[in-house]
Amino acid sequence: MSTATLPPVSPRFEGVIAITKANVYFEGKVISHTILTGAGQRKTLGVILPGSYHFNTEAPERMEMVSGDCSVKLKDSQTWIEYPENSVFEIPGNSSFDIQVKSGSAHYICSFL
């Protein structure tokens, strides 16, 4: 897993197609919307409410934390790593990860690589 601090995330995307039906997980505690960029890249924009959640991945993913913070533990790891606002982490394809939000909400952009 790599991590880096990014400049502030853009507050909007231009020229995208938005899928209006939300992706709803864990009884509404994790919700995202899919967008397709002009270049054909699929991304999701989402919010995670307090709790601990497990996700499986098919494709590699890059998660940009727009606001709030979370802790992440990759498959086969015992270590939780903190990711604050304006940080980024990547998850390998065909894997899984656990993510925790302790308070407030965490807003993210997920890019499928």
PDB file of N, CA and C in Angstrom:
ATOM      1  N   MET A   1       0.849  -1.156   0.000  1.00  0.00           N
ATOM      2  CA  MET A   1       0.000   0.000   0.000  1.00  0.00           C
ATOM      3  C   MET A   1       0.893   1.216   0.000  1.00  0.00           C
ATOM      4  N   SER A   2       0.591   2.170  -0.873  1.00  0.00           N
ATOM      5  CA  SER A   2       1.362   3.399  -0.889  1.00  0.00           C
ATOM      6  C   SER A   2       0.504   4.522  -0.333  1.00  0.00           C
ATOM      7  N   THR A   3       1.153   5.515   0.202  1.00  0.00           N
ATOM      8  CA  THR A   3       0.438   6.663   0.727  1.00  0.00           C
ATOM      9  C   THR A   3       1.201   7.918   0.365  1.00  0.00           C
ATOM     10  N   ALA A   4       0.477   8.992   0.153  1.00  0.00           N
ATOM     11  CA  ALA A   4       1.098  10.271  -0.160  1.00  0.00           C
ATOM     12  C   ALA A   4       0.127  11.368   0.219  1.00  0.00           C
ATOM     13  N   THR A   5       0.659  12.545   0.486  1.00  0.00           N
ATOM     14  CA  THR A   5      -0.201  13.689   0.736  1.00  0.00           C
ATOM     15  C   THR A   5      -0.424  14.398  -0.590  1.00  0.00           C
ATOM     16  N   LEU A   6      -1.655  14.721  -0.892  1.00  0.00           N
ATOM     17  CA  LEU A   6      -2.020  15.349  -2.148  1.00  0.00           C
ATOM     18  C   LEU A   6      -2.373  16.806  -1.920  1.00  0.00           C
ATOM     19  N   PRO A   7      -2.338  17.607  -2.977  1.00  0.00           N
ATOM     20  CA  PRO A   7      -2.929  18.940  -2.860  1.00  0.00           C
ATOM     21  C   PRO A   7      -4.427  18.764  -2.638  1.00  0.00           C
ATOM     22  N   PRO A   8      -5.118  19.769  -2.165  1.00  0.00           N
ATOM     23  CA  PRO A   8      -6.561  19.617  -1.932  1.00  0.00           C
ATOM     24  C   PRO A   8      -7.270  19.054  -3.157  1.00  0.00           C
ATOM     25  N   VAL A   9      -8.207  18.175  -2.911  1.00  0.00           N
ATOM     26  CA  VAL A   9      -8.963  17.526  -3.974  1.00  0.00           C
ATOM     27  C   VAL A   9      -9.898  18.538  -4.619  1.00  0.00           C
ATOM     28  N   SER A  10     -10.024  18.466  -5.939  1.00  0.00           N
ATOM     29  CA  SER A  10     -10.920  19.367  -6.655  1.00  0.00           C
ATOM     30  C   SER A  10     -12.342  19.200  -6.142  1.00  0.00           C
ATOM     31  N   PRO A  11     -13.054  20.297  -5.926  1.00  0.00           N
ATOM     32  CA  PRO A  11     -14.418  20.174  -5.403  1.00  0.00           C
ATOM     33  C   PRO A  11     -15.432  19.698  -6.429  1.00  0.00           C
ATOM     34  N   ARG A  12     -15.017  19.544  -7.699  1.00  0.00           N
ATOM     35  CA  ARG A  12     -15.968  19.082  -8.707  1.00  0.00           C
ATOM     36  C   ARG A  12     -15.237  18.468  -9.889  1.00  0.00           C
ATOM     37  N   PHE A  13     -15.994  17.678 -10.673  1.00  0.00           N
ATOM     38  CA  PHE A  13     -15.505  17.082 -11.907  1.00  0.00           C
ATOM     39  C   PHE A  13     -16.302  17.678 -13.054  1.00  0.00           C
ATOM     40  N   GLU A  14     -15.633  18.050 -14.127  1.00  0.00           N
ATOM     41  CA  GLU A  14     -16.286  18.599 -15.322  1.00  0.00           C
ATOM     42  C   GLU A  14     -16.461  17.489 -16.356  1.00  0.00           C
ATOM     43  N   GLY A  15     -17.511  17.573 -17.152  1.00  0.00           N
ATOM     44  CA  GLY A  15     -17.695  16.692 -18.295  1.00  0.00           C
ATOM     45  C   GLY A  15     -17.778  15.217 -17.962  1.00  0.00           C
ATOM     46  N   VAL A  16     -18.574  14.860 -16.953  1.00  0.00           N
ATOM     47  CA  VAL A  16     -18.704  13.459 -16.565  1.00  0.00           C
ATOM     48  C   VAL A  16     -20.139  12.989 -16.785  1.00  0.00           C
ATOM     49  N   ILE A  17     -20.283  11.686 -16.796  1.00  0.00           N
ATOM     50  CA  ILE A  17     -21.604  11.072 -16.768  1.00  0.00           C
ATOM     51  C   ILE A  17     -21.795  10.557 -15.348  1.00  0.00           C
ATOM     52  N   ALA A  18     -22.886  10.931 -14.713  1.00  0.00           N
ATOM     53  CA  ALA A  18     -23.184  10.486 -13.350  1.00  0.00           C
ATOM     54  C   ALA A  18     -24.267   9.417 -13.388  1.00  0.00           C
ATOM     55  N   ILE A  19     -24.008   8.316 -12.701  1.00  0.00           N
ATOM     56  CA  ILE A  19     -25.002   7.258 -12.553  1.00  0.00           C
ATOM     57  C   ILE A  19     -25.860   7.645 -11.343  1.00  0.00           C
ATOM     58  N   THR A  20     -27.142   7.825 -11.547  1.00  0.00           N
ATOM     59  CA  THR A  20     -27.974   8.396 -10.488  1.00  0.00           C
ATOM     60  C   THR A  20     -28.318   7.438  -9.364  1.00  0.00           C
ATOM     61  N   LYS A  21     -28.353   6.140  -9.635  1.00  0.00           N
ATOM     62  CA  LYS A  21     -28.656   5.186  -8.565  1.00  0.00           C
ATOM     63  C   LYS A  21     -27.419   4.999  -7.692  1.00  0.00           C
ATOM     64  N   ALA A  22     -27.578   5.171  -6.405  1.00  0.00           N
ATOM     65  CA  ALA A  22     -26.463   5.062  -5.462  1.00  0.00           C
ATOM     66  C   ALA A  22     -26.078   3.609  -5.216  1.00  0.00           C
ATOM     67  N   ASN A  23     -24.816   3.412  -4.866  1.00  0.00           N
ATOM     68  CA  ASN A  23     -24.313   2.138  -4.356  1.00  0.00           C
ATOM     69  C   ASN A  23     -24.446   2.230  -2.837  1.00  0.00           C
ATOM     70  N   VAL A  24     -25.267   1.411  -2.248  1.00  0.00           N
ATOM     71  CA  VAL A  24     -25.542   1.490  -0.808  1.00  0.00           C
ATOM     72  C   VAL A  24     -25.066   0.213  -0.137  1.00  0.00           C
ATOM     73  N   TYR A  25     -24.217   0.373   0.873  1.00  0.00           N
ATOM     74  CA  TYR A  25     -23.637  -0.760   1.594  1.00  0.00           C
ATOM     75  C   TYR A  25     -23.886  -0.601   3.094  1.00  0.00           C
ATOM     76  N   PHE A  26     -23.866  -1.710   3.792  1.00  0.00           N
ATOM     77  CA  PHE A  26     -23.916  -1.728   5.254  1.00  0.00           C
ATOM     78  C   PHE A  26     -25.067  -0.878   5.808  1.00  0.00           C
ATOM     79  N   GLU A  27     -26.265  -1.190   5.306  1.00  0.00           N
ATOM     80  CA  GLU A  27     -27.501  -0.547   5.768  1.00  0.00           C
ATOM     81  C   GLU A  27     -27.434   0.976   5.665  1.00  0.00           C
ATOM     82  N   GLY A  28     -26.812   1.466   4.594  1.00  0.00           N
ATOM     83  CA  GLY A  28     -26.762   2.901   4.338  1.00  0.00           C
ATOM     84  C   GLY A  28     -25.631   3.634   5.024  1.00  0.00           C
ATOM     85  N   LYS A  29     -24.725   2.925   5.659  1.00  0.00           N
ATOM     86  CA  LYS A  29     -23.613   3.589   6.350  1.00  0.00           C
ATOM     87  C   LYS A  29     -22.444   3.899   5.423  1.00  0.00           C
ATOM     88  N   VAL A  30     -22.455   3.296   4.233  1.00  0.00           N
ATOM     89  CA  VAL A  30     -21.488   3.611   3.181  1.00  0.00           C
ATOM     90  C   VAL A  30     -22.292   3.784   1.901  1.00  0.00           C
ATOM     91  N   ILE A  31     -22.209   4.977   1.306  1.00  0.00           N
ATOM     92  CA  ILE A  31     -22.969   5.272   0.095  1.00  0.00           C
ATOM     93  C   ILE A  31     -22.045   5.950  -0.903  1.00  0.00           C
ATOM     94  N   SER A  32     -22.118   5.509  -2.167  1.00  0.00           N
ATOM     95  CA  SER A  32     -21.327   6.157  -3.210  1.00  0.00           C
ATOM     96  C   SER A  32     -22.148   6.275  -4.492  1.00  0.00           C
ATOM     97  N   HIS A  33     -21.687   7.170  -5.359  1.00  0.00           N
ATOM     98  CA  HIS A  33     -22.250   7.336  -6.696  1.00  0.00           C
ATOM     99  C   HIS A  33     -21.130   7.155  -7.700  1.00  0.00           C
ATOM    100  N   THR A  34     -21.442   6.485  -8.800  1.00  0.00           N
ATOM    101  CA  THR A  34     -20.468   6.237  -9.856  1.00  0.00           C
ATOM    102  C   THR A  34     -20.505   7.368 -10.864  1.00  0.00           C
ATOM    103  N   ILE A  35     -19.308   7.795 -11.292  1.00  0.00           N
ATOM    104  CA  ILE A  35     -19.194   8.731 -12.402  1.00  0.00           C
ATOM    105  C   ILE A  35     -18.255   8.117 -13.441  1.00  0.00           C
ATOM    106  N   LEU A  36     -18.470   8.497 -14.684  1.00  0.00           N
ATOM    107  CA  LEU A  36     -17.609   8.092 -15.787  1.00  0.00           C
ATOM    108  C   LEU A  36     -17.014   9.358 -16.377  1.00  0.00           C
ATOM    109  N   THR A  37     -15.697   9.434 -16.415  1.00  0.00           N
ATOM    110  CA  THR A  37     -15.035  10.633 -16.925  1.00  0.00           C
ATOM    111  C   THR A  37     -15.083  10.652 -18.446  1.00  0.00           C
ATOM    112  N   GLY A  38     -14.763  11.806 -19.024  1.00  0.00           N
ATOM    113  CA  GLY A  38     -14.707  11.934 -20.475  1.00  0.00           C
ATOM    114  C   GLY A  38     -13.705  10.978 -21.095  1.00  0.00           C
ATOM    115  N   ALA A  39     -12.668  10.595 -20.317  1.00  0.00           N
ATOM    116  CA  ALA A  39     -11.654   9.647 -20.795  1.00  0.00           C
ATOM    117  C   ALA A  39     -12.088   8.201 -20.575  1.00  0.00           C
ATOM    118  N   GLY A  40     -13.297   7.999 -20.015  1.00  0.00           N
ATOM    119  CA  GLY A  40     -13.807   6.651 -19.821  1.00  0.00           C
ATOM    120  C   GLY A  40     -13.424   5.990 -18.513  1.00  0.00           C
ATOM    121  N   GLN A  41     -12.793   6.732 -17.610  1.00  0.00           N
ATOM    122  CA  GLN A  41     -12.411   6.145 -16.327  1.00  0.00           C
ATOM    123  C   GLN A  41     -13.612   6.132 -15.382  1.00  0.00           C
ATOM    124  N   ARG A  42     -13.760   5.018 -14.656  1.00  0.00           N
ATOM    125  CA  ARG A  42     -14.840   4.885 -13.666  1.00  0.00           C
ATOM    126  C   ARG A  42     -14.316   5.291 -12.299  1.00  0.00           C
ATOM    127  N   LYS A  43     -15.088   6.119 -11.605  1.00  0.00           N
ATOM    128  CA  LYS A  43     -14.763   6.549 -10.253  1.00  0.00           C
ATOM    129  C   LYS A  43     -16.036   6.474  -9.424  1.00  0.00           C
ATOM    130  N   THR A  44     -15.866   6.367  -8.115  1.00  0.00           N
ATOM    131  CA  THR A  44     -17.015   6.529  -7.229  1.00  0.00           C
ATOM    132  C   THR A  44     -16.706   7.647  -6.250  1.00  0.00           C
ATOM    133  N   LEU A  45     -17.736   8.400  -5.909  1.00  0.00           N
ATOM    134  CA  LEU A  45     -17.660   9.469  -4.925  1.00  0.00           C
ATOM    135  C   LEU A  45     -18.533   9.026  -3.769  1.00  0.00           C
ATOM    136  N   GLY A  46     -17.946   8.932  -2.562  1.00  0.00           N
ATOM    137  CA  GLY A  46     -18.728   8.356  -1.486  1.00  0.00           C
ATOM    138  C   GLY A  46     -18.504   8.955  -0.126  1.00  0.00           C
ATOM    139  N   VAL A  47     -19.349   8.497   0.786  1.00  0.00           N
ATOM    140  CA  VAL A  47     -19.326   8.907   2.186  1.00  0.00           C
ATOM    141  C   VAL A  47     -19.387   7.644   3.041  1.00  0.00           C
ATOM    142  N   ILE A  48     -18.531   7.615   4.079  1.00  0.00           N
ATOM    143  CA  ILE A  48     -18.520   6.504   5.032  1.00  0.00           C
ATOM    144  C   ILE A  48     -18.855   7.072   6.404  1.00  0.00           C
ATOM    145  N   LEU A  49     -19.894   6.557   7.023  1.00  0.00           N
ATOM    146  CA  LEU A  49     -20.276   6.967   8.372  1.00  0.00           C
ATOM    147  C   LEU A  49     -19.516   6.129   9.397  1.00  0.00           C
ATOM    148  N   PRO A  50     -19.503   6.542  10.667  1.00  0.00           N
ATOM    149  CA  PRO A  50     -18.735   5.807  11.682  1.00  0.00           C
ATOM    150  C   PRO A  50     -19.067   4.317  11.717  1.00  0.00           C
ATOM    151  N   GLY A  51     -18.009   3.516  11.815  1.00  0.00           N
ATOM    152  CA  GLY A  51     -18.140   2.069  11.872  1.00  0.00           C
ATOM    153  C   GLY A  51     -16.919   1.413  11.276  1.00  0.00           C
ATOM    154  N   SER A  52     -16.950   0.095  11.220  1.00  0.00           N
ATOM    155  CA  SER A  52     -15.872  -0.699  10.647  1.00  0.00           C
ATOM    156  C   SER A  52     -16.472  -1.572   9.555  1.00  0.00           C
ATOM    157  N   TYR A  53     -15.848  -1.580   8.366  1.00  0.00           N
ATOM    158  CA  TYR A  53     -16.418  -2.227   7.198  1.00  0.00           C
ATOM    159  C   TYR A  53     -15.357  -3.032   6.455  1.00  0.00           C
ATOM    160  N   HIS A  54     -15.780  -4.112   5.812  1.00  0.00           N
ATOM    161  CA  HIS A  54     -14.885  -4.968   5.024  1.00  0.00           C
ATOM    162  C   HIS A  54     -15.320  -4.923   3.563  1.00  0.00           C
ATOM    163  N   PHE A  55     -14.356  -4.675   2.660  1.00  0.00           N
ATOM    164  CA  PHE A  55     -14.626  -4.633   1.230  1.00  0.00           C
ATOM    165  C   PHE A  55     -13.679  -5.567   0.490  1.00  0.00           C
ATOM    166  N   ASN A  56     -14.194  -6.213  -0.551  1.00  0.00           N
ATOM    167  CA  ASN A  56     -13.378  -6.992  -1.476  1.00  0.00           C
ATOM    168  C   ASN A  56     -13.136  -6.141  -2.717  1.00  0.00           C
ATOM    169  N   THR A  57     -11.990  -6.339  -3.365  1.00  0.00           N
ATOM    170  CA  THR A  57     -11.693  -5.608  -4.588  1.00  0.00           C
ATOM    171  C   THR A  57     -11.539  -6.584  -5.745  1.00  0.00           C
ATOM    172  N   GLU A  58     -11.934  -6.139  -6.907  1.00  0.00           N
ATOM    173  CA  GLU A  58     -11.656  -6.877  -8.142  1.00  0.00           C
ATOM    174  C   GLU A  58     -10.483  -6.186  -8.829  1.00  0.00           C
ATOM    175  N   ALA A  59     -10.679  -4.937  -9.217  1.00  0.00           N
ATOM    176  CA  ALA A  59      -9.614  -4.144  -9.837  1.00  0.00           C
ATOM    177  C   ALA A  59      -8.831  -3.419  -8.741  1.00  0.00           C
ATOM    178  N   PRO A  60      -7.592  -3.028  -9.021  1.00  0.00           N
ATOM    179  CA  PRO A  60      -6.869  -2.178  -8.071  1.00  0.00           C
ATOM    180  C   PRO A  60      -7.634  -0.864  -7.886  1.00  0.00           C
ATOM    181  N   GLU A  61      -7.573  -0.301  -6.687  1.00  0.00           N
ATOM    182  CA  GLU A  61      -8.291   0.929  -6.372  1.00  0.00           C
ATOM    183  C   GLU A  61      -7.345   1.958  -5.759  1.00  0.00           C
ATOM    184  N   ARG A  62      -7.617   3.210  -6.074  1.00  0.00           N
ATOM    185  CA  ARG A  62      -6.898   4.329  -5.467  1.00  0.00           C
ATOM    186  C   ARG A  62      -7.942   5.165  -4.727  1.00  0.00           C
ATOM    187  N   MET A  63      -7.757   5.316  -3.429  1.00  0.00           N
ATOM    188  CA  MET A  63      -8.709   6.056  -2.592  1.00  0.00           C
ATOM    189  C   MET A  63      -8.097   7.396  -2.189  1.00  0.00           C
ATOM    190  N   GLU A  64      -8.786   8.483  -2.533  1.00  0.00           N
ATOM    191  CA  GLU A  64      -8.383   9.823  -2.140  1.00  0.00           C
ATOM    192  C   GLU A  64      -9.347  10.295  -1.052  1.00  0.00           C
ATOM    193  N   MET A  65      -8.818  10.673   0.088  1.00  0.00           N
ATOM    194  CA  MET A  65      -9.659  11.138   1.186  1.00  0.00           C
ATOM    195  C   MET A  65      -9.943  12.627   0.996  1.00  0.00           C
ATOM    196  N   VAL A  66     -11.189  12.955   0.689  1.00  0.00           N
ATOM    197  CA  VAL A  66     -11.600  14.330   0.436  1.00  0.00           C
ATOM    198  C   VAL A  66     -11.737  15.091   1.749  1.00  0.00           C
ATOM    199  N   SER A  67     -12.382  14.474   2.724  1.00  0.00           N
ATOM    200  CA  SER A  67     -12.509  15.082   4.052  1.00  0.00           C
ATOM    201  C   SER A  67     -12.733  13.974   5.068  1.00  0.00           C
ATOM    202  N   GLY A  68     -12.498  14.301   6.317  1.00  0.00           N
ATOM    203  CA  GLY A  68     -12.585  13.306   7.375  1.00  0.00           C
ATOM    204  C   GLY A  68     -11.345  12.432   7.356  1.00  0.00           C
ATOM    205  N   ASP A  69     -11.340  11.412   8.193  1.00  0.00           N
ATOM    206  CA  ASP A  69     -10.203  10.500   8.217  1.00  0.00           C
ATOM    207  C   ASP A  69     -10.683   9.088   8.500  1.00  0.00           C
ATOM    208  N   CYS A  70      -9.802   8.139   8.190  1.00  0.00           N
ATOM    209  CA  CYS A  70     -10.143   6.736   8.362  1.00  0.00           C
ATOM    210  C   CYS A  70      -8.876   5.962   8.700  1.00  0.00           C
ATOM    211  N   SER A  71      -9.064   4.719   9.106  1.00  0.00           N
ATOM    212  CA  SER A  71      -7.972   3.773   9.312  1.00  0.00           C
ATOM    213  C   SER A  71      -8.235   2.604   8.377  1.00  0.00           C
ATOM    214  N   VAL A  72      -7.153   2.066   7.796  1.00  0.00           N
ATOM    215  CA  VAL A  72      -7.281   0.993   6.812  1.00  0.00           C
ATOM    216  C   VAL A  72      -6.333  -0.134   7.161  1.00  0.00           C
ATOM    217  N   LYS A  73      -6.830  -1.356   6.995  1.00  0.00           N
ATOM    218  CA  LYS A  73      -6.008  -2.559   7.177  1.00  0.00           C
ATOM    219  C   LYS A  73      -6.199  -3.421   5.941  1.00  0.00           C
ATOM    220  N   LEU A  74      -5.089  -3.698   5.248  1.00  0.00           N
ATOM    221  CA  LEU A  74      -5.146  -4.541   4.053  1.00  0.00           C
ATOM    222  C   LEU A  74      -5.259  -6.010   4.420  1.00  0.00           C
ATOM    223  N   LYS A  75      -5.732  -6.810   3.462  1.00  0.00           N
ATOM    224  CA  LYS A  75      -5.803  -8.258   3.610  1.00  0.00           C
ATOM    225  C   LYS A  75      -4.442  -8.795   4.054  1.00  0.00           C
ATOM    226  N   ASP A  76      -4.442  -9.732   4.973  1.00  0.00           N
ATOM    227  CA  ASP A  76      -3.243 -10.391   5.501  1.00  0.00           C
ATOM    228  C   ASP A  76      -2.342  -9.471   6.316  1.00  0.00           C
ATOM    229  N   SER A  77      -2.802  -8.290   6.665  1.00  0.00           N
ATOM    230  CA  SER A  77      -2.024  -7.378   7.510  1.00  0.00           C
ATOM    231  C   SER A  77      -2.682  -7.288   8.878  1.00  0.00           C
ATOM    232  N   GLN A  78      -1.890  -7.047   9.882  1.00  0.00           N
ATOM    233  CA  GLN A  78      -2.411  -6.812  11.232  1.00  0.00           C
ATOM    234  C   GLN A  78      -2.344  -5.338  11.594  1.00  0.00           C
ATOM    235  N   THR A  79      -1.799  -4.513  10.691  1.00  0.00           N
ATOM    236  CA  THR A  79      -1.529  -3.104  10.972  1.00  0.00           C
ATOM    237  C   THR A  79      -2.604  -2.192  10.394  1.00  0.00           C
ATOM    238  N   TRP A  80      -3.153  -1.338  11.245  1.00  0.00           N
ATOM    239  CA  TRP A  80      -4.082  -0.300  10.814  1.00  0.00           C
ATOM    240  C   TRP A  80      -3.260   0.952  10.518  1.00  0.00           C
ATOM    241  N   ILE A  81      -3.522   1.582   9.373  1.00  0.00           N
ATOM    242  CA  ILE A  81      -2.828   2.817   8.996  1.00  0.00           C
ATOM    243  C   ILE A  81      -3.855   3.929   8.893  1.00  0.00           C
ATOM    244  N   GLU A  82      -3.529   5.079   9.483  1.00  0.00           N
ATOM    245  CA  GLU A  82      -4.423   6.241   9.479  1.00  0.00           C
ATOM    246  C   GLU A  82      -4.270   7.035   8.188  1.00  0.00           C
ATOM    247  N   TYR A  83      -5.391   7.457   7.615  1.00  0.00           N
ATOM    248  CA  TYR A  83      -5.387   8.294   6.424  1.00  0.00           C
ATOM    249  C   TYR A  83      -6.256   9.520   6.678  1.00  0.00           C
ATOM    250  N   PRO A  84      -5.630  10.675   6.847  1.00  0.00           N
ATOM    251  CA  PRO A  84      -6.388  11.906   7.077  1.00  0.00           C
ATOM    252  C   PRO A  84      -6.857  12.531   5.760  1.00  0.00           C
ATOM    253  N   GLU A  85      -7.602  13.600   5.874  1.00  0.00           N
ATOM    254  CA  GLU A  85      -8.036  14.388   4.729  1.00  0.00           C
ATOM    255  C   GLU A  85      -6.836  14.702   3.829  1.00  0.00           C
ATOM    256  N   ASN A  86      -7.049  14.680   2.528  1.00  0.00           N
ATOM    257  CA  ASN A  86      -6.032  14.961   1.504  1.00  0.00           C
ATOM    258  C   ASN A  86      -4.920  13.923   1.435  1.00  0.00           C
ATOM    259  N   SER A  87      -5.174  12.714   1.907  1.00  0.00           N
ATOM    260  CA  SER A  87      -4.197  11.641   1.733  1.00  0.00           C
ATOM    261  C   SER A  87      -4.767  10.635   0.737  1.00  0.00           C
ATOM    262  N   VAL A  88      -3.917   9.722   0.301  1.00  0.00           N
ATOM    263  CA  VAL A  88      -4.321   8.734  -0.700  1.00  0.00           C
ATOM    264  C   VAL A  88      -3.715   7.388  -0.342  1.00  0.00           C
ATOM    265  N   PHE A  89      -4.443   6.314  -0.656  1.00  0.00           N
ATOM    266  CA  PHE A  89      -3.895   4.974  -0.495  1.00  0.00           C
ATOM    267  C   PHE A  89      -4.413   4.102  -1.620  1.00  0.00           C
ATOM    268  N   GLU A  90      -3.687   3.018  -1.890  1.00  0.00           N
ATOM    269  CA  GLU A  90      -4.063   2.109  -2.960  1.00  0.00           C
ATOM    270  C   GLU A  90      -4.263   0.707  -2.417  1.00  0.00           C
ATOM    271  N   ILE A  91      -5.205   0.006  -3.020  1.00  0.00           N
ATOM    272  CA  ILE A  91      -5.522  -1.368  -2.641  1.00  0.00           C
ATOM    273  C   ILE A  91      -5.324  -2.229  -3.880  1.00  0.00           C
ATOM    274  N   PRO A  92      -4.608  -3.347  -3.761  1.00  0.00           N
ATOM    275  CA  PRO A  92      -4.414  -4.221  -4.921  1.00  0.00           C
ATOM    276  C   PRO A  92      -5.734  -4.821  -5.403  1.00  0.00           C
ATOM    277  N   GLY A  93      -5.735  -5.241  -6.660  1.00  0.00           N
ATOM    278  CA  GLY A  93      -6.886  -5.946  -7.209  1.00  0.00           C
ATOM    279  C   GLY A  93      -6.963  -7.355  -6.638  1.00  0.00           C
ATOM    280  N   ASN A  94      -8.140  -7.948  -6.717  1.00  0.00           N
ATOM    281  CA  ASN A  94      -8.371  -9.303  -6.209  1.00  0.00           C
ATOM    282  C   ASN A  94      -7.892  -9.447  -4.773  1.00  0.00           C
ATOM    283  N   SER A  95      -8.272  -8.505  -3.948  1.00  0.00           N
ATOM    284  CA  SER A  95      -7.827  -8.469  -2.557  1.00  0.00           C
ATOM    285  C   SER A  95      -9.004  -8.020  -1.691  1.00  0.00           C
ATOM    286  N   SER A  96      -8.680  -7.516  -0.506  1.00  0.00           N
ATOM    287  CA  SER A  96      -9.707  -6.971   0.377  1.00  0.00           C
ATOM    288  C   SER A  96      -9.056  -6.017   1.357  1.00  0.00           C
ATOM    289  N   PHE A  97      -9.899  -5.248   2.037  1.00  0.00           N
ATOM    290  CA  PHE A  97      -9.410  -4.337   3.069  1.00  0.00           C
ATOM    291  C   PHE A  97     -10.521  -4.050   4.060  1.00  0.00           C
ATOM    292  N   ASP A  98     -10.108  -3.665   5.248  1.00  0.00           N
ATOM    293  CA  ASP A  98     -11.027  -3.195   6.279  1.00  0.00           C
ATOM    294  C   ASP A  98     -10.811  -1.705   6.415  1.00  0.00           C
ATOM    295  N   ILE A  99     -11.893  -0.976   6.622  1.00  0.00           N
ATOM    296  CA  ILE A  99     -11.799   0.467   6.801  1.00  0.00           C
ATOM    297  C   ILE A  99     -12.655   0.856   7.997  1.00  0.00           C
ATOM    298  N   GLN A 100     -12.119   1.748   8.830  1.00  0.00           N
ATOM    299  CA  GLN A 100     -12.823   2.235  10.018  1.00  0.00           C
ATOM    300  C   GLN A 100     -12.911   3.752   9.983  1.00  0.00           C
ATOM    301  N   VAL A 101     -14.062   4.252  10.360  1.00  0.00           N
ATOM    302  CA  VAL A 101     -14.251   5.679  10.598  1.00  0.00           C
ATOM    303  C   VAL A 101     -14.719   5.785  12.034  1.00  0.00           C
ATOM    304  N   LYS A 102     -13.977   6.521  12.845  1.00  0.00           N
ATOM    305  CA  LYS A 102     -14.284   6.580  14.280  1.00  0.00           C
ATOM    306  C   LYS A 102     -15.331   7.618  14.626  1.00  0.00           C
ATOM    307  N   SER A 103     -15.337   8.751  13.915  1.00  0.00           N
ATOM    308  CA  SER A 103     -16.329   9.783  14.202  1.00  0.00           C
ATOM    309  C   SER A 103     -16.550  10.640  12.966  1.00  0.00           C
ATOM    310  N   GLY A 104     -17.661  11.355  12.947  1.00  0.00           N
ATOM    311  CA  GLY A 104     -17.973  12.199  11.805  1.00  0.00           C
ATOM    312  C   GLY A 104     -18.240  11.357  10.570  1.00  0.00           C
ATOM    313  N   SER A 105     -17.758  11.813   9.446  1.00  0.00           N
ATOM    314  CA  SER A 105     -17.892  11.066   8.201  1.00  0.00           C
ATOM    315  C   SER A 105     -16.619  11.237   7.390  1.00  0.00           C
ATOM    316  N   ALA A 106     -16.328  10.262   6.563  1.00  0.00           N
ATOM    317  CA  ALA A 106     -15.177  10.316   5.667  1.00  0.00           C
ATOM    318  C   ALA A 106     -15.704  10.352   4.239  1.00  0.00           C
ATOM    319  N   HIS A 107     -15.279  11.356   3.478  1.00  0.00           N
ATOM    320  CA  HIS A 107     -15.685  11.505   2.086  1.00  0.00           C
ATOM    321  C   HIS A 107     -14.499  11.121   1.207  1.00  0.00           C
ATOM    322  N   TYR A 108     -14.768  10.393   0.135  1.00  0.00           N
ATOM    323  CA  TYR A 108     -13.659   9.859  -0.668  1.00  0.00           C
ATOM    324  C   TYR A 108     -13.989   9.869  -2.151  1.00  0.00           C
ATOM    325  N   ILE A 109     -12.917   9.778  -2.941  1.00  0.00           N
ATOM    326  CA  ILE A 109     -12.998   9.498  -4.371  1.00  0.00           C
ATOM    327  C   ILE A 109     -12.250   8.200  -4.588  1.00  0.00           C
ATOM    328  N   CYS A 110     -12.900   7.213  -5.171  1.00  0.00           N
ATOM    329  CA  CYS A 110     -12.262   5.938  -5.482  1.00  0.00           C
ATOM    330  C   CYS A 110     -12.092   5.841  -6.996  1.00  0.00           C
ATOM    331  N   SER A 111     -10.848   5.682  -7.434  1.00  0.00           N
ATOM    332  CA  SER A 111     -10.550   5.475  -8.850  1.00  0.00           C
ATOM    333  C   SER A 111     -10.192   4.017  -9.061  1.00  0.00           C
ATOM    334  N   PHE A 112     -10.743   3.423 -10.088  1.00  0.00           N
ATOM    335  CA  PHE A 112     -10.455   2.023 -10.399  1.00  0.00           C
ATOM    336  C   PHE A 112      -9.335   2.016 -11.429  1.00  0.00           C
ATOM    337  N   LEU A 113      -8.216   1.422 -11.047  1.00  0.00           N
ATOM    338  CA  LEU A 113      -6.996   1.498 -11.872  1.00  0.00           C
ATOM    339  C   LEU A 113      -6.894   0.368 -12.869  1.00  0.00           C
TER     340      LEU A 113
END
